[in-house]
Amino acid sequence: MAVIALEGMHFYAYHGVYEEEKRIGGEYIVDVSLDVDVTQAALSDDLQRTVNYETVHLICETAMRKSSNLIENVAERIALQLKHQFGFIREMTIRIRKKNPPLGGQVDYAMVEVDGNFQKSCGRCGRPMLCYGDRSCWCMDAPVKDAARESLKLQYGDRCLCRDCLLFFAG
């Protein structure tokens, strides 16, 4: 296990609920921290088996370019893109600081931090697994018929099943 982080990424962007913020823009600082298993990358010395810093920066830069009313929205966009890009993130923290927010007084920054913990255990066999719990999760593409999914939902509730258990029910 390792933490891979990019801290202090600076962007000039156009986020905010006021027209002035969207027109003039402001300074933002983004921090990303990812908890990943780097064992295979360390043994193979292969960039494809770990988190590429350039890709993380590009994801953040792209998300910052799209104007939003709320930096919460921007943080969630970054998190979703990171989950799509790197399917082996166990935990993540995205922090966005908006410098000098227009609050009528001196404030260094406003901050939003979103966290995600994707380590779960299979509801059927108990094996550890990663589950993103949204439409980006691998299980959405599992070849399980709708009727079987409904039956699994009744039997296991909101507990996710690992790939092997889902494939067992796929037949």
Protein backbone atom coordinates (compact mmCIF):
# COMPACT_ATOMS: atom_id res chain seq x y z
CA MET A 1 0.00 0.00 0.00
CA ALA A 2 1.14 3.51 -0.74
CA VAL A 3 -0.15 7.03 -0.85
CA ILE A 4 0.42 8.83 -4.13
CA ALA A 5 -0.34 12.53 -3.92
CA LEU A 6 -0.11 15.72 -5.92
CA GLU A 7 -0.37 18.72 -3.64
CA GLY A 8 -0.56 22.39 -4.45
CA MET A 9 -1.68 22.25 -8.07
CA HIS A 10 -2.49 25.88 -8.96
CA PHE A 11 -5.20 26.80 -11.45
CA TYR A 12 -6.92 29.96 -12.55
CA ALA A 13 -10.59 29.10 -13.10
CA TYR A 14 -14.08 30.55 -13.36
CA HIS A 15 -16.19 28.91 -10.63
CA GLY A 16 -18.77 30.55 -8.41
CA VAL A 17 -22.40 31.48 -8.05
CA TYR A 18 -21.83 35.18 -8.81
CA GLU A 19 -21.52 36.40 -12.41
CA GLU A 20 -18.43 38.36 -11.40
CA GLU A 21 -16.67 35.14 -10.35
CA LYS A 22 -17.53 33.48 -13.65
CA ARG A 23 -16.36 36.49 -15.64
CA ILE A 24 -13.21 37.49 -13.72
CA GLY A 25 -12.20 34.10 -12.33
CA GLY A 26 -9.99 33.32 -9.40
CA GLU A 27 -7.11 31.28 -8.05
CA TYR A 28 -7.60 27.70 -6.89
CA ILE A 29 -5.34 25.13 -5.29
CA VAL A 30 -6.08 21.42 -5.76
CA ASP A 31 -4.65 18.53 -3.73
CA VAL A 32 -5.18 14.88 -4.65
CA SER A 33 -4.24 11.96 -2.42
CA LEU A 34 -4.72 8.37 -3.59
CA ASP A 35 -4.23 5.19 -1.57
CA VAL A 36 -3.18 2.42 -3.97
CA ASP A 37 -1.37 -0.90 -4.03
CA VAL A 38 1.95 -0.27 -5.77
CA THR A 39 3.44 -3.75 -5.31
CA GLN A 40 3.22 -4.73 -9.00
CA ALA A 41 4.48 -1.33 -10.16
CA ALA A 42 7.43 -1.47 -7.76
CA LEU A 43 8.40 -4.99 -8.84
CA SER A 44 8.01 -4.37 -12.57
CA ASP A 45 9.09 -0.69 -12.65
CA ASP A 46 6.15 -0.22 -15.04
CA LEU A 47 4.27 3.08 -15.14
CA GLN A 48 1.14 1.34 -16.46
CA ARG A 49 0.75 -0.46 -13.11
CA THR A 50 0.56 2.68 -10.99
CA VAL A 51 -0.85 6.19 -10.95
CA ASN A 52 0.66 8.50 -13.55
CA TYR A 53 1.13 12.00 -12.06
CA GLU A 54 0.71 13.64 -15.46
CA THR A 55 -2.66 11.96 -15.91
CA VAL A 56 -3.82 13.09 -12.46
CA HIS A 57 -2.77 16.66 -13.25
CA LEU A 58 -4.51 16.56 -16.64
CA ILE A 59 -7.73 15.26 -15.05
CA CYS A 60 -7.65 18.10 -12.51
CA GLU A 61 -6.82 20.69 -15.16
CA THR A 62 -9.67 19.50 -17.38
CA ALA A 63 -12.16 19.57 -14.50
CA MET A 64 -11.04 23.05 -13.48
CA ARG A 65 -11.59 24.38 -17.03
CA LYS A 66 -15.33 23.63 -16.92
CA SER A 67 -17.08 26.43 -15.06
CA SER A 68 -19.28 25.36 -12.14
CA ASN A 69 -21.31 27.16 -9.51
CA LEU A 70 -19.82 25.01 -6.74
CA ILE A 71 -16.33 23.68 -6.15
CA GLU A 72 -18.07 20.62 -4.68
CA ASN A 73 -19.15 19.84 -8.24
CA VAL A 74 -15.59 20.22 -9.50
CA ALA A 75 -14.21 17.95 -6.76
CA GLU A 76 -16.73 15.23 -7.58
CA ARG A 77 -15.87 15.49 -11.30
CA ILE A 78 -12.21 14.99 -10.47
CA ALA A 79 -13.00 11.99 -8.24
CA LEU A 80 -15.19 10.35 -10.88
CA GLN A 81 -12.56 10.77 -13.60
CA LEU A 82 -9.83 9.36 -11.36
CA LYS A 83 -11.99 6.30 -10.62
CA HIS A 84 -12.57 5.81 -14.36
CA GLN A 85 -8.88 6.18 -15.19
CA PHE A 86 -7.40 4.12 -12.36
CA GLY A 87 -9.56 1.16 -11.34
CA PHE A 88 -7.37 0.23 -8.37
CA ILE A 89 -7.76 3.22 -6.06
CA ARG A 90 -8.59 2.05 -2.54
CA GLU A 91 -9.13 5.48 -1.00
CA MET A 92 -8.94 9.04 -2.26
CA THR A 93 -9.13 12.59 -0.99
CA ILE A 94 -9.69 15.58 -3.27
CA ARG A 95 -9.26 19.04 -1.74
CA ILE A 96 -10.02 22.28 -3.58
CA ARG A 97 -9.22 25.65 -2.05
CA LYS A 98 -10.63 28.84 -3.53
CA LYS A 99 -8.34 31.73 -2.72
CA ASN A 100 -9.85 35.04 -1.59
CA PRO A 101 -13.54 34.11 -1.91
CA PRO A 102 -15.86 37.14 -2.27
CA LEU A 103 -17.33 37.17 1.22
CA GLY A 104 -17.14 40.86 2.08
CA GLY A 105 -14.12 40.43 4.33
CA GLN A 106 -10.61 39.04 4.28
CA VAL A 107 -10.68 35.25 3.96
CA ASP A 108 -7.61 33.37 2.76
CA TYR A 109 -9.59 30.59 1.13
CA ALA A 110 -12.75 28.51 1.13
CA MET A 111 -12.18 24.76 0.98
CA VAL A 112 -14.05 21.64 -0.02
CA GLU A 113 -12.70 18.16 0.63
CA VAL A 114 -14.29 14.99 -0.71
CA ASP A 115 -13.22 11.53 0.41
CA GLY A 116 -13.89 8.06 -0.86
CA ASN A 117 -13.10 4.65 0.60
CA PHE A 118 -13.69 1.89 -1.93
CA GLN A 119 -12.43 -1.10 0.05
CA LYS A 120 -15.26 -3.51 0.70
CA SER A 121 -15.75 -7.20 1.25
CA CYS A 122 -17.98 -9.40 -0.87
CA GLY A 123 -21.46 -9.82 0.60
CA ARG A 124 -21.45 -13.51 -0.35
CA CYS A 125 -17.92 -14.89 0.15
CA GLY A 126 -16.37 -12.14 2.29
CA ARG A 127 -13.27 -11.66 0.11
CA PRO A 128 -11.84 -8.13 0.02
CA MET A 129 -12.53 -6.15 -3.13
CA LEU A 130 -12.80 -2.65 -4.54
CA CYS A 131 -16.21 -1.20 -5.32
CA TYR A 132 -16.86 2.34 -6.52
CA GLY A 133 -20.60 2.07 -5.93
CA ASP A 134 -21.60 4.08 -8.98
CA ARG A 135 -22.03 3.68 -12.73
CA SER A 136 -18.24 3.52 -13.16
CA CYS A 137 -18.03 0.24 -11.22
CA TRP A 138 -16.98 -2.90 -13.10
CA CYS A 139 -20.03 -4.80 -11.82
CA MET A 140 -22.37 -2.73 -13.99
CA ASP A 141 -20.99 -4.61 -16.99
CA ALA A 142 -21.25 -8.07 -15.42
CA PRO A 143 -23.38 -10.43 -17.59
CA VAL A 144 -26.14 -10.88 -14.98
CA LYS A 145 -29.74 -10.82 -16.16
CA ASP A 146 -32.08 -8.19 -14.68
CA ALA A 147 -34.16 -10.83 -12.88
CA ALA A 148 -31.03 -12.27 -11.27
CA ARG A 149 -29.90 -8.76 -10.22
CA GLU A 150 -33.25 -8.17 -8.53
CA SER A 151 -32.97 -11.50 -6.71
CA LEU A 152 -29.40 -10.67 -5.60
CA LYS A 153 -30.54 -7.26 -4.37
CA LEU A 154 -33.25 -8.92 -2.24
CA GLN A 155 -30.79 -11.48 -0.90
CA TYR A 156 -27.75 -9.26 -0.27
CA GLY A 157 -29.27 -5.78 -0.02
CA ASP A 158 -26.71 -3.03 -0.62
CA ARG A 159 -23.74 -5.34 -0.05
CA CYS A 160 -21.70 -5.70 -3.23
CA LEU A 161 -20.54 -9.02 -4.63
CA CYS A 162 -17.07 -9.74 -6.03
CA ARG A 163 -16.49 -10.59 -9.69
CA ASP A 164 -16.34 -14.35 -9.07
CA CYS A 165 -19.63 -14.40 -7.12
CA LEU A 166 -21.39 -12.26 -9.73
CA LEU A 167 -20.14 -14.55 -12.50
CA PHE A 168 -21.40 -17.55 -10.50
CA PHE A 169 -24.91 -16.07 -10.61
CA ALA A 170 -24.50 -15.13 -14.28
CA GLY A 171 -24.43 -18.83 -15.07
